[in-house]
Amino acid sequence: MRRHHAAALWAQMRRDYEEGGFTAPVIASWYGATQHAVKKRALVEGWSKLVRAPAPAPLLAEPDADDVALVDGAVVSAWREIAHDAQLAPEGSWATWLFQGGRGAGKTRAGAEWLAARAEAAPGIFALVGPTQHDVREVMVDGPSGLRHLPGRARPYYERSRRRLLWPNGSVAYAFSAEEPERLRGPQFEAAWADEFCIWPRPSETLAILRMGLRRGVAPQLVVTTTPKPIPALRSLRGEPSCVMTQAATASNAAHLAPSFLDGLSALYGGTRLAAQELEGLLLDGDGALWRAEDVARARGARPESLERVVVGVDPPAGANGAACGIVVAGRRAGRAYVLADRSGLGLSPLGWATRVAEAAREFGASEIVAEANQGGDMVRATLAQAGAPCAVKLVHAVHAKRVRAEPIALLYEQGRVTHCDAFPALEEELMALGVSESEGLLDRADALVWALTALMEAPRGEGPRIRVLGDAPLRRGLSGF
């Protein structure tokens, strides 16, 4: 049976042959034509890989000049020059990169650019996983920031019948829906991009099956881009030692959004938990949290010219196994607390975190370092002395649960008596989780802040009214010491 193809279809075949670099047999298999018909048409019409056919009308607007660059006369991507910090893959060795951000923070573009760079660098086999097959095609592949619309990069061909993207150099990316996790059994990949992880139907199960397939190459990697939701799967992912995280609010990418988008949503939802999750990209919890999103949003302000007293709160890691060390610097002036810096770090050695504490104390002129001693008081004091701590070290013991210790500090935020002198998204996220997520043991920043502000409340003699504290009892009656 002789099959006839429309002129528009032949035009697309010619573009794939001349611009995409695909061979006649491949094109014939894609479009249901015979190799003889394709070769005959190429001969008659003079198809040539050396002559570029006129480009089809663009589906989207032309890229900004800043998105591309010229290198030896060729147009290449300028992504690394225009991306904000959270959109770039972390340095060093990692197995999973989690980019957690608000709506419009540039998560899709970051995931697409990372995978495209891997695909163009060398032929490989990759996986694309989205909430549904429709999401993969319309967002990850053909969306405005999808893989087929990246300025300065090769435009892969999407083979709909096999749900895969084909690059000119032979790289292949297969599309999968999180609604059908069993389809991930069998295939193997060297890298994968998972989008909007928090709205997958069964995120933990699907992620586990996907990881079983990451067994090609020397060091398989996974990128997860998502707006956070308070689900156990995300908290578990964040706690993995091999997972590194970047975080960005919607405002970080405001230059690429409609001018009225951010202002309109901020006016409607600013200060609410919805805004903290969807615009700030913070991971929140349900009812029972001590800190409210509106109190944290209201706390942001400027640093005063001088402070009466500065302390460094420290929550040392439980061991040398990659646990986090909470380090928060805070000061006091005229009855108000000021959070100056969050120098917390993950995976630091004992001397490493102690050196960071000493440097923070010197930088801000701290009069005291307040460190939790539950993990070995003598060791904590000796390590800080070895690191050259420039001020007195006060050891405190956690007798009560985190929530009990944090209640009077949360009350200060509710009263509007605490100011954050910079953006501290990771710290603020932990504060809004404190009280309902204690079992995770991942609230080191929040714990360090509580110790620092509690120490500021206990004013030494001669510095104004004191609060009487019995052991580690919570400060429930009055906050006159501030």
Protein backbone atom coordinates (compact mmCIF):
# COMPACT_ATOMS: atom_id res chain seq x y z
CA MET A 1 0.00 0.00 0.00
CA ARG A 2 1.37 3.38 -0.97
CA ARG A 3 1.13 6.01 1.78
CA HIS A 4 0.91 9.74 1.05
CA HIS A 5 2.23 12.38 3.46
CA ALA A 6 1.18 16.00 3.68
CA ALA A 7 3.56 18.74 2.55
CA ALA A 8 3.86 20.03 6.13
CA LEU A 9 4.97 16.59 7.29
CA TRP A 10 7.63 16.40 4.57
CA ALA A 11 8.81 19.85 5.63
CA GLN A 12 9.20 18.61 9.21
CA MET A 13 11.13 15.56 7.97
CA ARG A 14 13.48 17.87 6.07
CA ARG A 15 14.09 19.98 9.17
CA ASP A 16 14.88 16.88 11.22
CA TYR A 17 17.28 15.72 8.48
CA GLU A 18 19.08 19.03 7.93
CA GLU A 19 18.95 20.70 11.36
CA GLY A 20 18.51 17.78 13.73
CA GLY A 21 21.18 15.66 12.08
CA PHE A 22 19.02 12.53 11.99
CA THR A 23 19.48 9.91 9.27
CA ALA A 24 16.95 8.83 6.65
CA PRO A 25 16.25 5.42 8.33
CA VAL A 26 15.52 7.13 11.67
CA ILE A 27 13.22 9.71 10.07
CA ALA A 28 11.43 7.01 8.10
CA SER A 29 10.70 5.05 11.29
CA TRP A 30 9.39 8.15 13.09
CA TYR A 31 6.96 9.24 10.39
CA GLY A 32 5.84 5.88 9.04
CA ALA A 33 7.53 6.36 5.66
CA THR A 34 9.80 3.99 3.75
CA GLN A 35 13.53 4.63 3.61
CA HIS A 36 13.29 4.63 -0.20
CA ALA A 37 10.67 7.41 -0.14
CA VAL A 38 12.71 9.55 2.24
CA LYS A 39 15.94 9.12 0.27
CA LYS A 40 14.16 9.83 -3.02
CA ARG A 41 12.57 13.01 -1.63
CA ALA A 42 15.95 14.11 -0.24
CA LEU A 43 17.58 13.60 -3.65
CA VAL A 44 14.84 15.39 -5.62
CA GLU A 45 14.59 18.39 -3.27
CA GLY A 46 18.30 18.59 -2.54
CA TRP A 47 18.24 17.98 1.18
CA SER A 48 21.64 18.67 2.67
CA LYS A 49 23.03 18.63 6.18
CA LEU A 50 25.42 21.39 5.13
CA VAL A 51 22.61 23.80 4.23
CA ARG A 52 20.21 24.91 6.97
CA ALA A 53 16.57 25.01 5.97
CA PRO A 54 14.50 28.05 6.96
CA ALA A 55 13.57 27.81 10.64
CA PRO A 56 9.89 27.24 11.42
CA ALA A 57 7.94 29.98 13.14
CA PRO A 58 8.85 29.98 16.84
CA LEU A 59 6.29 28.66 19.28
CA LEU A 60 7.50 31.07 21.96
CA ALA A 61 9.02 34.52 22.03
CA GLU A 62 12.65 34.89 21.02
CA PRO A 63 15.04 34.46 23.98
CA ASP A 64 16.48 37.51 25.67
CA ALA A 65 19.98 38.47 24.59
CA ASP A 66 21.21 37.67 28.10
CA ASP A 67 20.11 34.02 27.74
CA VAL A 68 22.63 33.21 25.02
CA ALA A 69 26.22 34.03 24.14
CA LEU A 70 28.45 33.78 21.07
CA VAL A 71 31.50 31.54 21.22
CA ASP A 72 33.53 31.35 18.00
CA GLY A 73 30.46 32.54 16.11
CA ALA A 74 28.17 29.86 17.57
CA VAL A 75 25.20 30.57 19.82
CA VAL A 76 25.59 28.84 23.20
CA SER A 77 23.76 28.94 26.49
CA ALA A 78 24.64 31.64 29.01
CA TRP A 79 22.78 29.86 31.79
CA ARG A 80 25.54 29.94 34.42
CA GLU A 81 25.85 33.70 34.02
CA ILE A 82 22.14 34.51 34.44
CA ALA A 83 20.96 31.87 36.95
CA HIS A 84 20.59 32.74 40.63
CA ASP A 85 22.56 30.68 43.15
CA ALA A 86 19.79 28.22 44.05
CA GLN A 87 19.34 27.27 40.37
CA LEU A 88 22.90 26.00 39.96
CA ALA A 89 23.89 22.47 40.93
CA PRO A 90 25.93 22.37 44.17
CA GLU A 91 29.67 21.93 43.93
CA GLY A 92 31.33 18.70 45.00
CA SER A 93 30.09 15.13 45.05
CA TRP A 94 26.40 14.46 45.63
CA ALA A 95 23.86 11.79 44.75
CA THR A 96 20.66 13.85 45.07
CA TRP A 97 20.12 17.59 44.61
CA LEU A 98 16.85 18.92 46.02
CA PHE A 99 15.81 22.36 44.75
CA GLN A 100 12.98 23.49 47.03
CA GLY A 101 11.40 26.77 46.02
CA GLY A 102 8.28 28.88 45.79
CA ARG A 103 6.03 29.19 42.75
CA GLY A 104 7.94 30.77 39.88
CA ALA A 105 11.32 30.48 41.63
CA GLY A 106 12.88 28.93 38.51
CA LYS A 107 12.77 25.27 39.51
CA THR A 108 11.71 23.91 36.11
CA ARG A 109 14.38 25.91 34.27
CA ALA A 110 17.04 24.72 36.72
CA GLY A 111 16.10 21.05 36.28
CA ALA A 112 15.88 21.33 32.50
CA GLU A 113 19.22 23.15 32.18
CA TRP A 114 20.96 20.59 34.36
CA LEU A 115 19.64 17.61 32.41
CA ALA A 116 20.26 19.28 29.03
CA ALA A 117 23.87 19.98 29.97
CA ARG A 118 24.33 16.30 30.91
CA ALA A 119 22.70 15.14 27.69
CA GLU A 120 24.82 17.43 25.49
CA ALA A 121 28.10 16.64 27.24
CA ALA A 122 28.06 12.94 26.24
CA PRO A 123 25.51 10.41 24.95
CA GLY A 124 23.53 8.96 27.82
CA ILE A 125 20.21 7.55 28.98
CA PHE A 126 18.11 9.65 31.36
CA ALA A 127 14.70 9.66 33.06
CA LEU A 128 12.08 12.41 33.36
CA VAL A 129 9.47 11.86 36.07
CA GLY A 130 6.52 14.19 36.68
CA PRO A 131 3.21 13.95 38.55
CA THR A 132 1.42 12.85 35.34
CA GLN A 133 2.40 12.11 31.75
CA HIS A 134 0.68 15.35 30.76
CA ASP A 135 2.87 17.31 33.20
CA VAL A 136 6.02 15.74 31.79
CA ARG A 137 5.11 16.69 28.22
CA GLU A 138 3.60 20.14 28.84
CA VAL A 139 5.98 21.36 31.57
CA MET A 140 9.25 19.43 31.55
CA VAL A 141 9.50 18.92 27.78
CA ASP A 142 7.45 21.53 25.91
CA GLY A 143 6.84 24.14 28.61
CA PRO A 144 8.32 27.66 28.38
CA SER A 145 11.26 26.47 30.52
CA GLY A 146 11.19 22.89 29.24
CA LEU A 147 13.93 20.90 27.59
CA ARG A 148 12.88 21.80 24.02
CA HIS A 149 12.90 25.57 24.62
CA LEU A 150 16.22 26.25 26.31
CA PRO A 151 18.05 29.18 24.64
CA GLY A 152 21.42 28.29 23.20
CA ARG A 153 20.97 24.52 23.54
CA ALA A 154 20.19 21.78 21.05
CA ARG A 155 16.49 21.16 20.58
CA PRO A 156 15.76 17.45 21.09
CA TYR A 157 13.02 15.64 19.16
CA TYR A 158 10.10 14.22 21.16
CA GLU A 159 9.06 10.78 19.94
CA ARG A 160 5.50 10.60 21.20
CA SER A 161 4.88 6.93 20.48
CA ARG A 162 7.80 5.90 22.71
CA ARG A 163 7.59 8.79 25.18
CA ARG A 164 11.19 9.81 24.80
CA LEU A 165 13.38 12.76 23.84
CA LEU A 166 16.18 12.28 21.33
CA TRP A 167 19.22 14.56 21.14
CA PRO A 168 21.35 14.84 17.98
CA ASN A 169 24.34 13.29 19.76
CA GLY A 170 22.38 10.15 20.68
CA SER A 171 21.31 11.01 24.24
CA VAL A 172 17.83 9.76 25.18
CA ALA A 173 15.51 10.84 28.00
CA TYR A 174 12.46 8.65 28.72
CA ALA A 175 9.29 10.22 30.16
CA PHE A 176 7.52 8.57 33.12
CA SER A 177 4.44 9.42 35.14
CA ALA A 178 4.48 9.14 38.93
CA GLU A 179 0.98 7.69 38.57
CA GLU A 180 2.56 4.57 37.05
CA PRO A 181 5.66 3.85 39.18
CA GLU A 182 5.83 0.23 38.03
CA ARG A 183 6.92 1.39 34.57
CA LEU A 184 10.21 2.44 36.15
CA ARG A 185 11.04 -1.20 36.83
CA GLY A 186 13.48 -2.58 34.29
CA PRO A 187 14.94 0.53 32.58
CA GLN A 188 18.27 1.87 33.81
CA PHE A 189 19.62 5.40 33.71
CA GLU A 190 22.67 7.46 34.59
CA ALA A 191 20.73 10.54 35.71
CA ALA A 192 17.14 11.60 36.35
CA TRP A 193 15.08 14.73 36.89
CA ALA A 194 12.00 14.46 39.12
CA ASP A 195 9.62 17.44 39.12
CA GLU A 196 6.98 18.50 41.70
CA PHE A 197 7.82 15.58 43.95
CA CYS A 198 5.40 16.66 46.68
CA ILE A 199 2.28 16.10 44.57
CA TRP A 200 3.21 12.61 43.38
CA PRO A 201 0.52 10.08 44.40
CA ARG A 202 3.03 7.77 46.16
CA PRO A 203 6.25 9.79 46.43
CA SER A 204 8.32 7.48 48.66
CA GLU A 205 7.51 4.34 46.68
CA THR A 206 8.04 5.96 43.29
CA LEU A 207 11.32 7.56 44.36
CA ALA A 208 12.62 4.22 45.63
CA ILE A 209 11.81 2.47 42.33
CA LEU A 210 13.38 5.33 40.35
CA ARG A 211 16.59 5.09 42.37
CA MET A 212 16.80 1.37 41.67
CA GLY A 213 17.14 2.29 38.00
CA LEU A 214 19.95 4.81 38.54
CA ARG A 215 22.69 2.27 37.94
CA ARG A 216 24.41 3.36 34.73
CA GLY A 217 27.65 5.28 34.49
CA VAL A 218 30.21 6.12 37.15
CA ALA A 219 28.20 8.35 39.50
CA PRO A 220 24.42 8.42 38.82
CA GLN A 221 22.68 11.57 40.02
CA LEU A 222 19.11 12.63 40.73
CA VAL A 223 17.65 16.16 40.71
CA VAL A 224 14.36 16.79 42.52
CA THR A 225 12.57 20.12 41.97
CA THR A 226 9.47 20.88 44.01
CA THR A 227 7.37 23.39 45.89
CA PRO A 228 7.39 21.99 49.43
CA LYS A 229 4.48 20.41 51.22
CA PRO A 230 4.50 18.96 54.76
CA ILE A 231 4.70 15.31 53.76
CA PRO A 232 6.93 12.65 55.39
CA ALA A 233 8.54 11.77 52.04
CA LEU A 234 10.02 15.25 51.64
CA ARG A 235 11.28 15.37 55.22
CA SER A 236 12.88 11.97 54.77
CA LEU A 237 14.55 13.10 51.53
CA ARG A 238 15.91 16.26 53.17
CA GLY A 239 17.42 14.20 55.97
CA GLU A 240 19.46 11.90 53.71
CA PRO A 241 23.24 12.39 54.11
CA SER A 242 23.76 12.20 50.32
CA CYS A 243 21.10 14.85 49.58
CA VAL A 244 22.12 18.49 49.17
CA MET A 245 19.47 21.21 49.07
CA THR A 246 19.14 24.66 47.58
CA GLN A 247 16.19 26.89 48.37
CA ALA A 248 14.71 30.00 46.77
CA ALA A 249 11.66 32.18 47.21
CA THR A 250 9.53 33.41 44.34
CA ALA A 251 11.11 36.85 44.75
CA SER A 252 14.50 35.42 43.73
CA ASN A 253 13.20 35.06 40.19
CA ALA A 254 10.98 38.16 40.11
CA ALA A 255 12.79 39.60 37.07
CA HIS A 256 11.37 36.78 34.92
CA LEU A 257 7.78 36.99 36.18
CA ALA A 258 4.86 39.25 35.35
CA PRO A 259 5.29 42.57 37.23
CA SER A 260 1.96 42.26 39.02
CA PHE A 261 2.27 38.57 39.94
CA LEU A 262 4.35 38.84 43.09
CA ASP A 263 2.79 42.08 44.33
CA GLY A 264 -0.72 40.77 43.87
CA LEU A 265 -0.16 37.50 45.71
CA SER A 266 1.81 39.20 48.48
CA ALA A 267 -1.05 41.62 49.03
CA LEU A 268 -3.56 38.78 49.21
CA TYR A 269 -1.61 36.16 51.15
CA GLY A 270 1.44 37.93 52.62
CA GLY A 271 2.29 36.72 56.13
CA THR A 272 0.10 33.61 55.91
CA ARG A 273 1.21 30.00 56.00
CA LEU A 274 0.12 29.68 52.37
CA ALA A 275 2.52 32.45 51.37
CA ALA A 276 5.34 30.93 53.41
CA GLN A 277 4.90 27.62 51.59
CA GLU A 278 3.99 28.70 48.06
CA LEU A 279 5.98 31.95 47.75
CA GLU A 280 8.83 31.59 50.24
CA GLY A 281 9.32 27.89 49.49
CA LEU A 282 9.40 26.94 53.18
CA LEU A 283 8.47 23.53 54.53
CA LEU A 284 5.75 24.02 57.13
CA ASP A 285 3.79 21.79 59.45
CA GLY A 286 0.21 21.46 60.50
CA ASP A 287 -1.58 22.61 63.62
CA GLY A 288 0.43 22.85 66.81
CA ALA A 289 3.41 24.82 65.52
CA LEU A 290 4.63 27.49 67.96
CA TRP A 291 5.65 30.00 65.29
CA ARG A 292 3.10 31.48 62.91
CA ALA A 293 4.06 32.49 59.39
CA GLU A 294 2.74 36.02 59.89
CA ASP A 295 4.89 36.50 63.02
CA VAL A 296 8.03 35.35 61.21
CA ALA A 297 7.29 37.55 58.18
CA ARG A 298 6.72 40.55 60.45
CA ALA A 299 10.04 39.95 62.23
CA ARG A 300 12.21 40.97 59.26
CA GLY A 301 13.85 44.35 59.65
CA ALA A 302 17.05 46.39 59.80
CA ARG A 303 19.96 45.97 62.18
CA PRO A 304 20.51 48.78 64.73
CA GLU A 305 23.73 50.77 64.76
CA SER A 306 24.79 49.37 68.12
CA LEU A 307 23.78 46.56 70.48
CA GLU A 308 23.90 46.22 74.24
CA ARG A 309 24.92 42.56 74.22
CA VAL A 310 25.64 39.86 71.63
CA VAL A 311 25.71 36.07 72.16
CA VAL A 312 26.27 33.02 69.94
CA GLY A 313 23.89 30.12 70.49
CA VAL A 314 25.27 26.68 69.62
CA ASP A 315 23.57 23.30 69.32
CA PRO A 316 26.57 20.95 68.77
CA PRO A 317 26.13 17.86 66.57
CA ALA A 318 25.58 14.55 68.31
CA GLY A 319 28.65 13.00 66.68
CA ALA A 320 31.05 13.10 63.76
CA ASN A 321 28.63 11.34 61.40
CA GLY A 322 27.55 14.32 59.33
CA ALA A 323 24.97 15.72 61.77
CA ALA A 324 24.22 19.44 61.62
CA CYS A 325 25.54 22.02 64.06
CA GLY A 326 23.22 24.93 64.85
CA ILE A 327 25.04 28.29 65.17
CA VAL A 328 22.94 31.46 65.56
CA VAL A 329 24.18 34.94 66.52
CA ALA A 330 21.76 37.29 68.30
CA GLY A 331 21.91 40.65 70.07
CA ARG A 332 19.79 42.86 72.29
CA ARG A 333 18.96 46.55 72.34
CA ALA A 334 16.27 48.51 74.18
CA GLY A 335 14.17 45.49 75.06
CA ARG A 336 14.26 43.98 71.56
CA ALA A 337 16.15 40.94 70.25
CA TYR A 338 17.96 40.99 66.91
CA VAL A 339 18.92 37.80 65.05
CA LEU A 340 22.15 38.75 63.26
CA ALA A 341 23.39 35.61 61.51
CA ASP A 342 22.78 31.92 60.97
CA ARG A 343 26.15 30.16 60.56
CA SER A 344 24.84 26.61 60.98
CA GLY A 345 26.57 23.88 58.99
CA LEU A 346 26.12 20.25 58.04
CA GLY A 347 28.82 17.58 58.20
CA LEU A 348 31.41 19.66 60.07
CA SER A 349 34.12 18.03 62.16
CA PRO A 350 34.32 18.99 65.87
CA LEU A 351 37.13 21.45 65.17
CA GLY A 352 35.30 22.62 62.05
CA TRP A 353 32.11 23.70 63.83
CA ALA A 354 34.03 25.10 66.80
CA THR A 355 36.15 27.23 64.46
CA ARG A 356 33.00 28.53 62.78
CA VAL A 357 31.57 29.45 66.20
CA ALA A 358 34.77 31.26 67.20
CA GLU A 359 34.85 33.19 63.92
CA ALA A 360 31.21 34.28 64.35
CA ALA A 361 31.91 35.41 67.93
CA ARG A 362 34.85 37.53 66.78
CA GLU A 363 32.99 38.95 63.77
CA PHE A 364 30.02 40.19 65.84
CA GLY A 365 31.86 41.01 69.06
CA ALA A 366 29.98 38.43 71.14
CA SER A 367 30.35 38.58 74.91
CA GLU A 368 29.35 34.95 75.41
CA ILE A 369 28.97 31.62 73.63
CA VAL A 370 26.00 29.58 74.86
CA ALA A 371 26.36 25.90 73.96
CA GLU A 372 24.17 22.92 74.74
CA ALA A 373 26.17 20.41 76.75
CA ASN A 374 23.97 17.31 76.52
CA GLN A 375 26.39 15.69 74.08
CA GLY A 376 29.42 16.08 76.36
CA GLY A 377 30.01 19.37 78.13
CA ASP A 378 33.76 18.96 78.70
CA MET A 379 34.27 18.03 75.06
CA VAL A 380 32.28 21.07 73.87
CA ARG A 381 34.23 23.47 76.09
CA ALA A 382 37.60 21.95 75.18
CA THR A 383 36.84 22.00 71.45
CA LEU A 384 35.81 25.66 71.55
CA ALA A 385 38.95 26.53 73.52
CA GLN A 386 41.09 24.70 70.95
CA ALA A 387 39.39 26.71 68.18
CA GLY A 388 40.31 29.96 69.91
CA ALA A 389 36.93 31.10 71.23
CA PRO A 390 37.38 34.81 72.03
CA CYS A 391 34.83 35.04 74.86
CA ALA A 392 33.34 33.13 77.76
CA VAL A 393 31.64 29.80 77.11
CA LYS A 394 28.44 29.01 79.00
CA LEU A 395 27.19 25.43 78.94
CA VAL A 396 23.45 24.79 79.20
CA HIS A 397 21.61 21.49 79.62
CA ALA A 398 18.37 20.55 77.88
CA VAL A 399 16.18 19.13 80.64
CA HIS A 400 12.84 19.87 78.97
CA ALA A 401 11.57 19.10 75.48
CA LYS A 402 12.26 21.51 72.64
CA ARG A 403 8.71 22.78 72.64
CA VAL A 404 8.75 23.69 76.32
CA ARG A 405 12.08 25.51 75.99
CA ALA A 406 10.87 27.38 72.93
CA GLU A 407 7.49 28.60 74.22
CA PRO A 408 8.72 31.88 75.80
CA ILE A 409 10.78 32.67 72.68
CA ALA A 410 7.77 32.07 70.43
CA LEU A 411 5.84 34.49 72.64
CA LEU A 412 8.46 37.17 71.94
CA TYR A 413 7.85 36.75 68.20
CA GLU A 414 4.10 36.94 68.75
CA GLN A 415 4.60 40.21 70.65
CA GLY A 416 6.71 41.59 67.80
CA ARG A 417 9.86 41.90 69.93
CA VAL A 418 12.30 40.00 67.69
CA THR A 419 13.87 41.28 64.46
CA HIS A 420 15.60 39.17 61.80
CA CYS A 421 18.33 41.37 60.31
CA ASP A 422 18.67 39.24 57.15
CA ALA A 423 16.85 36.52 55.24
CA PHE A 424 17.16 33.21 57.10
CA PRO A 425 14.89 30.80 55.17
CA ALA A 426 16.32 27.59 56.65
CA LEU A 427 16.11 28.91 60.20
CA GLU A 428 12.60 30.29 59.72
CA GLU A 429 11.47 26.99 58.28
CA GLU A 430 12.71 25.14 61.37
CA LEU A 431 11.01 27.64 63.68
CA MET A 432 7.65 27.02 62.02
CA ALA A 433 8.24 23.26 62.32
CA LEU A 434 9.22 23.37 65.99
CA GLY A 435 6.60 21.86 68.23
CA VAL A 436 5.23 19.28 65.80
CA SER A 437 8.34 17.70 64.29
CA GLU A 438 10.54 16.97 67.30
CA SER A 439 10.88 13.31 66.41
CA GLU A 440 12.93 14.23 63.35
CA GLY A 441 15.82 15.72 65.31
CA LEU A 442 16.50 18.14 62.45
CA LEU A 443 15.83 21.42 64.25
CA ASP A 444 19.41 22.37 65.14
CA ARG A 445 19.14 25.97 63.90
CA ALA A 446 15.94 26.57 65.85
CA ASP A 447 17.49 25.05 68.98
CA ALA A 448 20.55 27.32 68.68
CA LEU A 449 18.28 30.38 68.34
CA VAL A 450 16.31 29.40 71.42
CA TRP A 451 19.50 29.06 73.46
CA ALA A 452 20.79 32.43 72.23
CA LEU A 453 17.60 34.38 72.91
CA THR A 454 17.09 32.67 76.28
CA ALA A 455 20.60 33.75 77.30
CA LEU A 456 19.81 37.32 76.28
CA MET A 457 16.66 37.24 78.43
CA GLU A 458 18.69 36.25 81.48
CA ALA A 459 20.33 39.66 81.83
CA PRO A 460 23.36 39.73 84.16
CA ARG A 461 23.25 41.88 87.30
CA GLY A 462 23.44 45.57 86.54
CA GLU A 463 21.85 45.26 83.10
CA GLY A 464 18.28 45.92 84.19
CA PRO A 465 15.55 43.65 85.58
CA ARG A 466 16.41 39.97 85.83
CA ILE A 467 14.28 36.93 85.23
CA ARG A 468 14.48 34.32 87.91
CA VAL A 469 15.21 30.94 86.36
CA LEU A 470 15.30 27.64 88.22
CA GLY A 471 17.56 25.23 86.36
CA ASP A 472 16.23 24.86 82.85
CA ALA A 473 12.65 25.71 83.73
CA PRO A 474 10.74 27.58 81.03
CA LEU A 475 10.29 31.33 81.42
CA ARG A 476 6.53 31.42 81.60
CA ARG A 477 5.76 34.46 83.74
CA GLY A 478 6.78 37.71 82.15
CA LEU A 479 9.59 38.62 79.80
CA SER A 480 10.77 41.71 81.70
CA GLY A 481 14.43 40.79 81.32
CA PHE A 482 14.28 41.72 77.64
